[in-house]
C-alpha atoms as a PDB file:
ATOM      1  CA  MET A   1       6.840  13.773  19.936  1.00  0.00           C
ATOM      2  CA  ARG A   2       9.502  13.198  17.264  1.00  0.00           C
ATOM      3  CA  VAL A   3       8.505  10.583  14.699  1.00  0.00           C
ATOM      4  CA  VAL A   4      10.394   9.039  11.786  1.00  0.00           C
ATOM      5  CA  SER A   5       8.304   7.084   9.291  1.00  0.00           C
ATOM      6  CA  LEU A   6       9.667   4.315   7.090  1.00  0.00           C
ATOM      7  CA  VAL A   7       6.262   3.723   5.468  1.00  0.00           C
ATOM      8  CA  PRO A   8       4.787   6.121   2.879  1.00  0.00           C
ATOM      9  CA  SER A   9       1.204   5.308   3.903  1.00  0.00           C
ATOM     10  CA  LEU A  10       1.918   6.076   7.538  1.00  0.00           C
ATOM     11  CA  THR A  11       3.858   9.217   6.661  1.00  0.00           C
ATOM     12  CA  GLU A  12       0.770  10.617   4.960  1.00  0.00           C
ATOM     13  CA  ALA A  13      -1.504   9.545   7.814  1.00  0.00           C
ATOM     14  CA  VAL A  14       0.639  11.121  10.531  1.00  0.00           C
ATOM     15  CA  ALA A  15       1.235  14.327   8.567  1.00  0.00           C
ATOM     16  CA  ALA A  16      -2.511  14.740   8.081  1.00  0.00           C
ATOM     17  CA  THR A  17      -3.367  14.048  11.716  1.00  0.00           C
ATOM     18  CA  VAL A  18      -0.497  15.175  13.938  1.00  0.00           C
ATOM     19  CA  PRO A  19       1.119  18.166  12.188  1.00  0.00           C
ATOM     20  CA  GLY A  20       4.702  18.735  13.250  1.00  0.00           C
ATOM     21  CA  ALA A  21       5.254  15.253  14.672  1.00  0.00           C
ATOM     22  CA  LEU A  22       7.292  13.973  11.720  1.00  0.00           C
ATOM     23  CA  THR A  23      10.999  14.720  11.728  1.00  0.00           C
ATOM     24  CA  GLY A  24      12.059  12.181   9.119  1.00  0.00           C
ATOM     25  CA  ALA A  25      10.638  10.092   6.271  1.00  0.00           C
ATOM     26  CA  THR A  26      11.848   7.956   3.379  1.00  0.00           C
ATOM     27  CA  ASP A  27      12.633   9.185  -0.107  1.00  0.00           C
ATOM     28  CA  TRP A  28       9.479   7.352  -1.259  1.00  0.00           C
ATOM     29  CA  CYS A  29       7.190   9.297   1.080  1.00  0.00           C
ATOM     30  CA  THR A  30       5.598  11.493  -1.596  1.00  0.00           C
ATOM     31  CA  HIS A  31       2.435  12.524   0.268  1.00  0.00           C
ATOM     32  CA  PRO A  32       1.630  15.096   1.367  1.00  0.00           C
ATOM     33  CA  ALA A  33       3.343  17.087  -1.353  1.00  0.00           C
ATOM     34  CA  GLY A  34       5.983  19.454  -0.050  1.00  0.00           C
ATOM     35  CA  LEU A  35       6.546  17.592   3.213  1.00  0.00           C
ATOM     36  CA  ASP A  36       9.545  19.314   4.786  1.00  0.00           C
ATOM     37  CA  VAL A  37      11.344  16.688   6.877  1.00  0.00           C
ATOM     38  CA  ALA A  38      14.740  14.982   6.830  1.00  0.00           C
ATOM     39  CA  ARG A  39      14.984  12.240   4.207  1.00  0.00           C
ATOM     40  CA  ILE A  40      16.557   9.032   5.439  1.00  0.00           C
ATOM     41  CA  GLY A  41      16.857   6.825   2.348  1.00  0.00           C
ATOM     42  CA  GLY A  42      14.533   4.168   1.001  1.00  0.00           C
ATOM     43  CA  THR A  43      12.128   1.787   2.670  1.00  0.00           C
ATOM     44  CA  LYS A  44      14.454  -1.162   2.019  1.00  0.00           C
ATOM     45  CA  ASN A  45      17.715   0.675   2.624  1.00  0.00           C
ATOM     46  CA  PRO A  46      17.161   3.388   5.241  1.00  0.00           C
ATOM     47  CA  LYS A  47      20.219   5.166   6.630  1.00  0.00           C
ATOM     48  CA  THR A  48      19.958   4.020  10.220  1.00  0.00           C
ATOM     49  CA  ASP A  49      22.740   6.328  11.389  1.00  0.00           C
ATOM     50  CA  ARG A  50      20.819   9.309  10.039  1.00  0.00           C
ATOM     51  CA  ILE A  51      17.642   8.120  11.764  1.00  0.00           C
ATOM     52  CA  ILE A  52      19.438   7.723  15.093  1.00  0.00           C
ATOM     53  CA  ALA A  53      20.929  11.207  14.731  1.00  0.00           C
ATOM     54  CA  LEU A  54      17.396  12.635  14.508  1.00  0.00           C
ATOM     55  CA  ARG A  55      16.747  11.365  18.057  1.00  0.00           C
ATOM     56  CA  PRO A  56      13.218  10.121  17.324  1.00  0.00           C
ATOM     57  CA  ASP A  57      10.829   9.132  20.086  1.00  0.00           C
ATOM     58  CA  LEU A  58       9.306   6.608  17.700  1.00  0.00           C
ATOM     59  CA  VAL A  59      10.048   5.014  14.331  1.00  0.00           C
ATOM     60  CA  LEU A  60       7.121   3.695  12.293  1.00  0.00           C
ATOM     61  CA  ALA A  61       7.700   0.573  10.213  1.00  0.00           C
ATOM     62  CA  ASN A  62       5.840  -2.236   8.490  1.00  0.00           C
ATOM     63  CA  GLU A  63       6.665  -5.939   8.549  1.00  0.00           C
ATOM     64  CA  GLU A  64       6.434  -6.169   4.769  1.00  0.00           C
ATOM     65  CA  GLU A  65       7.950  -2.890   3.598  1.00  0.00           C
ATOM     66  CA  ASN A  66      10.948  -2.741   5.930  1.00  0.00           C
ATOM     67  CA  ARG A  67      13.773  -5.176   6.639  1.00  0.00           C
ATOM     68  CA  ALA A  68      14.190  -6.760  10.064  1.00  0.00           C
ATOM     69  CA  PRO A  69      17.984  -6.084  10.258  1.00  0.00           C
ATOM     70  CA  ASP A  70      17.406  -2.346   9.897  1.00  0.00           C
ATOM     71  CA  LEU A  71      14.745  -2.355  12.593  1.00  0.00           C
ATOM     72  CA  ASP A  72      16.963  -4.453  14.864  1.00  0.00           C
ATOM     73  CA  ALA A  73      19.786  -1.934  14.422  1.00  0.00           C
ATOM     74  CA  LEU A  74      17.498   0.895  15.501  1.00  0.00           C
ATOM     75  CA  ARG A  75      16.302  -1.018  18.544  1.00  0.00           C
ATOM     76  CA  ALA A  76      19.905  -1.824  19.469  1.00  0.00           C
ATOM     77  CA  ALA A  77      20.568   1.925  19.496  1.00  0.00           C
ATOM     78  CA  GLY A  78      17.724   2.426  21.947  1.00  0.00           C
ATOM     79  CA  VAL A  79      15.121   3.640  19.428  1.00  0.00           C
ATOM     80  CA  GLU A  80      11.511   2.569  19.911  1.00  0.00           C
ATOM     81  CA  VAL A  81      10.081   0.965  16.765  1.00  0.00           C
ATOM     82  CA  LEU A  82       6.390   0.357  16.107  1.00  0.00           C
ATOM     83  CA  VAL A  83       5.843  -2.288  13.415  1.00  0.00           C
ATOM     84  CA  THR A  84       2.503  -2.619  11.667  1.00  0.00           C
ATOM     85  CA  GLU A  85       1.056  -5.682   9.961  1.00  0.00           C
ATOM     86  CA  VAL A  86      -1.568  -5.025   7.311  1.00  0.00           C
ATOM     87  CA  ARG A  87      -3.071  -7.877   5.284  1.00  0.00           C
ATOM     88  CA  THR A  88      -6.727  -6.760   5.162  1.00  0.00           C
ATOM     89  CA  VAL A  89      -8.696  -3.522   5.044  1.00  0.00           C
ATOM     90  CA  PRO A  90     -10.052  -3.886   8.622  1.00  0.00           C
ATOM     91  CA  GLN A  91      -6.538  -4.630   9.844  1.00  0.00           C
ATOM     92  CA  GLY A  92      -5.274  -1.530   8.046  1.00  0.00           C
ATOM     93  CA  LEU A  93      -7.902   0.672   9.690  1.00  0.00           C
ATOM     94  CA  ALA A  94      -7.098  -0.760  13.120  1.00  0.00           C
ATOM     95  CA  GLU A  95      -3.362  -0.302  12.652  1.00  0.00           C
ATOM     96  CA  LEU A  96      -3.872   3.294  11.560  1.00  0.00           C
ATOM     97  CA  ALA A  97      -5.732   4.026  14.784  1.00  0.00           C
ATOM     98  CA  ARG A  98      -2.938   2.397  16.799  1.00  0.00           C
ATOM     99  CA  VAL A  99      -0.212   4.344  15.002  1.00  0.00           C
ATOM    100  CA  LEU A 100      -1.946   7.710  15.329  1.00  0.00           C
ATOM    101  CA  THR A 101      -2.522   7.189  19.048  1.00  0.00           C
ATOM    102  CA  ALA A 102       1.145   6.270  19.502  1.00  0.00           C
ATOM    103  CA  CYS A 103       2.110   9.474  17.651  1.00  0.00           C
ATOM    104  CA  GLY A 104       0.129  11.650  20.019  1.00  0.00           C
ATOM    105  CA  ALA A 105      -3.164  12.170  18.186  1.00  0.00           C
ATOM    106  CA  ARG A 106      -5.657  13.588  20.673  1.00  0.00           C
ATOM    107  CA  SER A 107      -8.711  12.353  18.805  1.00  0.00           C
ATOM    108  CA  ARG A 108      -9.676  10.102  15.937  1.00  0.00           C
ATOM    109  CA  PRO A 109      -9.337  12.003  12.639  1.00  0.00           C
ATOM    110  CA  ARG A 110     -12.349  12.545  10.419  1.00  0.00           C
ATOM    111  CA  TRP A 111     -10.582  11.000   7.426  1.00  0.00           C
ATOM    112  CA  LEU A 112     -10.250   7.704   9.308  1.00  0.00           C
ATOM    113  CA  ASP A 113     -13.972   7.699  10.080  1.00  0.00           C
ATOM    114  CA  ALA A 114     -14.648   8.460   6.410  1.00  0.00           C
ATOM    115  CA  ALA A 115     -12.381   5.592   5.339  1.00  0.00           C
ATOM    116  CA  GLU A 116     -14.117   3.154   7.660  1.00  0.00           C
ATOM    117  CA  GLU A 117     -17.520   4.269   6.398  1.00  0.00           C
ATOM    118  CA  ALA A 118     -16.400   3.985   2.764  1.00  0.00           C
ATOM    119  CA  TRP A 119     -15.378   0.367   3.272  1.00  0.00           C
ATOM    120  CA  THR A 120     -18.448  -0.646   5.274  1.00  0.00           C
ATOM    121  CA  ALA A 121     -20.438  -1.034   2.046  1.00  0.00           C
ATOM    122  CA  PRO A 122     -18.191  -0.352  -0.957  1.00  0.00           C
ATOM    123  CA  PRO A 123     -19.692  -0.340  -4.467  1.00  0.00           C
ATOM    124  CA  ARG A 124     -19.574  -3.698  -6.222  1.00  0.00           C
ATOM    125  CA  PRO A 125     -20.395  -4.785  -9.769  1.00  0.00           C
ATOM    126  CA  GLU A 126     -23.446  -6.955 -10.393  1.00  0.00           C
ATOM    127  CA  ALA A 127     -21.210  -9.980 -10.980  1.00  0.00           C
ATOM    128  CA  ARG A 128     -17.880 -10.891  -9.413  1.00  0.00           C
ATOM    129  CA  ARG A 129     -14.878 -11.032 -11.718  1.00  0.00           C
ATOM    130  CA  THR A 130     -11.550 -12.843 -11.647  1.00  0.00           C
ATOM    131  CA  ALA A 131      -8.269 -11.054 -12.223  1.00  0.00           C
ATOM    132  CA  VAL A 132      -4.529 -11.320 -12.285  1.00  0.00           C
ATOM    133  CA  VAL A 133      -2.763  -8.372 -10.670  1.00  0.00           C
ATOM    134  CA  PRO A 134       0.831  -7.851 -11.835  1.00  0.00           C
ATOM    135  CA  ILE A 135       2.948  -5.631  -9.611  1.00  0.00           C
ATOM    136  CA  TRP A 136       6.195  -6.003 -11.574  1.00  0.00           C
ATOM    137  CA  ARG A 137       7.552  -7.113 -14.920  1.00  0.00           C
ATOM    138  CA  ARG A 138      11.007  -8.379 -15.930  1.00  0.00           C
ATOM    139  CA  PRO A 139      10.264 -10.713 -14.200  1.00  0.00           C
ATOM    140  CA  TRP A 140       6.500 -10.732 -13.960  1.00  0.00           C
ATOM    141  CA  MET A 141       5.252 -10.792 -10.362  1.00  0.00           C
ATOM    142  CA  VAL A 142       1.640 -10.802  -9.190  1.00  0.00           C
ATOM    143  CA  LEU A 143      -0.394 -10.552  -6.024  1.00  0.00           C
ATOM    144  CA  GLY A 144      -0.482 -13.863  -4.188  1.00  0.00           C
ATOM    145  CA  ARG A 145      -1.838 -14.870  -0.794  1.00  0.00           C
ATOM    146  CA  ASP A 146      -2.642 -12.636   2.185  1.00  0.00           C
ATOM    147  CA  THR A 147      -2.158  -9.201   0.654  1.00  0.00           C
ATOM    148  CA  PHE A 148      -3.839  -5.936   1.562  1.00  0.00           C
ATOM    149  CA  ALA A 149      -4.414  -5.115  -2.112  1.00  0.00           C
ATOM    150  CA  GLY A 150      -5.943  -8.531  -2.729  1.00  0.00           C
ATOM    151  CA  ASP A 151      -8.382  -8.137   0.156  1.00  0.00           C
ATOM    152  CA  LEU A 152      -9.245  -4.636  -1.026  1.00  0.00           C
ATOM    153  CA  LEU A 153     -10.034  -5.862  -4.550  1.00  0.00           C
ATOM    154  CA  ALA A 154     -12.128  -8.737  -3.192  1.00  0.00           C
ATOM    155  CA  ARG A 155     -14.276  -6.181  -1.365  1.00  0.00           C
ATOM    156  CA  LEU A 156     -14.844  -4.488  -4.728  1.00  0.00           C
ATOM    157  CA  GLY A 157     -15.976  -7.723  -6.372  1.00  0.00           C
ATOM    158  CA  VAL A 158     -12.663  -8.746  -7.953  1.00  0.00           C
ATOM    159  CA  ASP A 159     -11.104 -12.094  -6.968  1.00  0.00           C
ATOM    160  CA  HIS A 160      -7.482 -12.444  -8.027  1.00  0.00           C
ATOM    161  CA  LEU A 161      -6.516 -15.880  -9.272  1.00  0.00           C
ATOM    162  CA  TYR A 162      -3.330 -16.329  -7.248  1.00  0.00           C
ATOM    163  CA  ALA A 163      -4.886 -15.676  -3.828  1.00  0.00           C
ATOM    164  CA  GLY A 164      -4.206 -19.298  -2.896  1.00  0.00           C
ATOM    165  CA  HIS A 165      -0.566 -19.320  -4.002  1.00  0.00           C
ATOM    166  CA  ALA A 166       2.043 -20.370  -1.437  1.00  0.00           C
ATOM    167  CA  GLU A 167       3.889 -17.068  -1.918  1.00  0.00           C
ATOM    168  CA  ARG A 168       2.591 -13.573  -1.296  1.00  0.00           C
ATOM    169  CA  TYR A 169       4.172 -12.137  -4.463  1.00  0.00           C
ATOM    170  CA  PRO A 170       4.945 -15.048  -6.783  1.00  0.00           C
ATOM    171  CA  LYS A 171       6.910 -14.780 -10.004  1.00  0.00           C
ATOM    172  CA  VAL A 172       4.695 -16.094 -12.783  1.00  0.00           C
ATOM    173  CA  PRO A 173       5.565 -16.204 -16.506  1.00  0.00           C
ATOM    174  CA  VAL A 174       3.310 -13.965 -18.527  1.00  0.00           C
ATOM    175  CA  GLU A 175       2.296 -16.939 -20.683  1.00  0.00           C
ATOM    176  CA  GLU A 176       0.862 -18.583 -17.575  1.00  0.00           C
ATOM    177  CA  LEU A 177      -0.956 -15.391 -16.602  1.00  0.00           C
ATOM    178  CA  ARG A 178      -2.616 -15.263 -19.997  1.00  0.00           C
ATOM    179  CA  ALA A 179      -3.441 -18.986 -19.877  1.00  0.00           C
ATOM    180  CA  ALA A 180      -5.252 -18.491 -16.548  1.00  0.00           C
ATOM    181  CA  GLU A 181      -7.951 -16.681 -18.584  1.00  0.00           C
ATOM    182  CA  PRO A 182      -8.903 -13.998 -16.065  1.00  0.00           C
ATOM    183  CA  ASP A 183     -11.883 -11.766 -16.653  1.00  0.00           C
ATOM    184  CA  LEU A 184      -9.635  -8.792 -16.031  1.00  0.00           C
ATOM    185  CA  VAL A 185      -5.995  -7.731 -15.696  1.00  0.00           C
ATOM    186  CA  VAL A 186      -5.418  -5.080 -13.019  1.00  0.00           C
ATOM    187  CA  LEU A 187      -2.332  -2.938 -13.673  1.00  0.00           C
ATOM    188  CA  PRO A 188      -1.368  -0.465 -10.906  1.00  0.00           C
ATOM    189  CA  ASP A 189       1.110   2.367 -11.393  1.00  0.00           C
ATOM    190  CA  GLU A 190       3.219   1.257  -8.426  1.00  0.00           C
ATOM    191  CA  PRO A 191       5.489  -0.373  -7.439  1.00  0.00           C
ATOM    192  CA  TYR A 192       5.982  -0.916 -11.192  1.00  0.00           C
ATOM    193  CA  ARG A 193       4.586   1.969 -13.204  1.00  0.00           C
ATOM    194  CA  PHE A 194       2.270   0.261 -15.674  1.00  0.00           C
ATOM    195  CA  THR A 195       0.832   2.627 -18.273  1.00  0.00           C
ATOM    196  CA  ALA A 196      -1.386   2.418 -21.338  1.00  0.00           C
ATOM    197  CA  ASP A 197       1.784   1.809 -23.382  1.00  0.00           C
ATOM    198  CA  ASP A 198       3.536  -0.510 -20.930  1.00  0.00           C
ATOM    199  CA  GLY A 199       1.554  -3.518 -19.731  1.00  0.00           C
ATOM    200  CA  PRO A 200      -1.704  -4.000 -21.649  1.00  0.00           C
ATOM    201  CA  GLU A 201       0.140  -5.120 -24.799  1.00  0.00           C
ATOM    202  CA  ALA A 202       1.237  -8.248 -22.899  1.00  0.00           C
ATOM    203  CA  PHE A 203      -2.402  -9.345 -22.509  1.00  0.00           C
ATOM    204  CA  PRO A 204      -4.003  -9.142 -25.960  1.00  0.00           C
ATOM    205  CA  GLY A 205      -7.732  -9.777 -25.904  1.00  0.00           C
ATOM    206  CA  LEU A 206      -8.057  -9.288 -22.154  1.00  0.00           C
ATOM    207  CA  PRO A 207      -9.662  -6.234 -20.511  1.00  0.00           C
ATOM    208  CA  CYS A 208      -7.005  -4.250 -18.631  1.00  0.00           C
ATOM    209  CA  ALA A 209      -7.717  -1.808 -15.798  1.00  0.00           C
ATOM    210  CA  LEU A 210      -5.030   0.798 -15.211  1.00  0.00           C
ATOM    211  CA  VAL A 211      -5.448   1.741 -11.553  1.00  0.00           C
ATOM    212  CA  ASP A 212      -3.963   4.210  -9.098  1.00  0.00           C
ATOM    213  CA  GLY A 213      -1.378   2.306  -7.059  1.00  0.00           C
ATOM    214  CA  ARG A 214      -1.804   4.568  -4.047  1.00  0.00           C
ATOM    215  CA  SER A 215      -5.531   3.773  -3.925  1.00  0.00           C
ATOM    216  CA  LEU A 216      -4.779   0.061  -4.247  1.00  0.00           C
ATOM    217  CA  THR A 217      -1.862  -0.385  -1.849  1.00  0.00           C
ATOM    218  CA  TRP A 218      -1.671   2.558   0.574  1.00  0.00           C
ATOM    219  CA  TYR A 219      -3.481   2.485   3.900  1.00  0.00           C
ATOM    220  CA  GLY A 220      -4.017   6.068   4.989  1.00  0.00           C
ATOM    221  CA  PRO A 221      -6.173   9.057   3.974  1.00  0.00           C
ATOM    222  CA  SER A 222      -6.457   7.683   0.421  1.00  0.00           C
ATOM    223  CA  LEU A 223      -8.624   4.842   1.762  1.00  0.00           C
ATOM    224  CA  ALA A 224     -11.598   7.196   2.025  1.00  0.00           C
ATOM    225  CA  ASP A 225     -11.716   7.723  -1.748  1.00  0.00           C
ATOM    226  CA  ALA A 226     -10.257   4.376  -2.833  1.00  0.00           C
ATOM    227  CA  PRO A 227     -13.587   2.545  -3.414  1.00  0.00           C
ATOM    228  CA  ARG A 228     -14.764   5.288  -5.762  1.00  0.00           C
ATOM    229  CA  VAL A 229     -11.410   5.748  -7.529  1.00  0.00           C
ATOM    230  CA  LEU A 230     -10.786   2.035  -8.020  1.00  0.00           C
ATOM    231  CA  GLY A 231     -14.391   1.216  -8.810  1.00  0.00           C
ATOM    232  CA  ARG A 232     -14.351   3.720 -11.633  1.00  0.00           C
ATOM    233  CA  ALA A 233     -11.073   2.363 -13.048  1.00  0.00           C
ATOM    234  CA  LEU A 234     -12.241  -1.240 -12.841  1.00  0.00           C
ATOM    235  CA  ALA A 235     -15.527  -0.435 -14.560  1.00  0.00           C
ATOM    236  CA  ALA A 236     -13.672   1.382 -17.351  1.00  0.00           C
ATOM    237  CA  ALA A 237     -11.513  -1.629 -18.271  1.00  0.00           C
ATOM    238  CA  ARG A 238     -11.627  -2.364 -21.974  1.00  0.00           C
ATOM    239  CA  ARG A 239     -10.242  -5.068 -24.219  1.00  0.00           C
END
């Protein structure tokens, strides 16, 4: 089996479960460290000619992370493409099982069982909190409706205020975000790299949680530790 992954989460999952199956991955596929495969460009601008030249049996993609024209070009060249859709934690776990089976996994990996167990009863605070969750600035963008990260946070007791927005990642002026008066501002380090010096200053007087973006947005082996990692970061939020 020769697999090319256009999704960092799936790259990590396949590498951990079916060693040797991956022949190509994007420049953004940073886990596992030291992965020695052909690099085929970004998630939004993959080099389809390079992918085709690798003669993959399967290309892994995601309906949100990858563009339909690129996937159509691969299919037109006779390449099989498996496209995942992940809007909730249970959906993510199910899609992982489907992907790993398609990549030749002979059994269900232990890390996937651990991830499912971790999310069966994740730790929650005594009281639910509201939050805004920026994912970009210049312009400011936040989590909106039907997002994996939003569902994940809800399972940890954090309800983000734009979950009912018509868009999945709306652009919202920072003044409006502050005026929404959330209990908490959640600042991940990807896709925009928020840090202690870049992000919290825009929300004076509001508790800000700097969280690991991989734990918040990746669906793969990191899901097993995500409740603990995120729970700790959310609890540590300070004004």
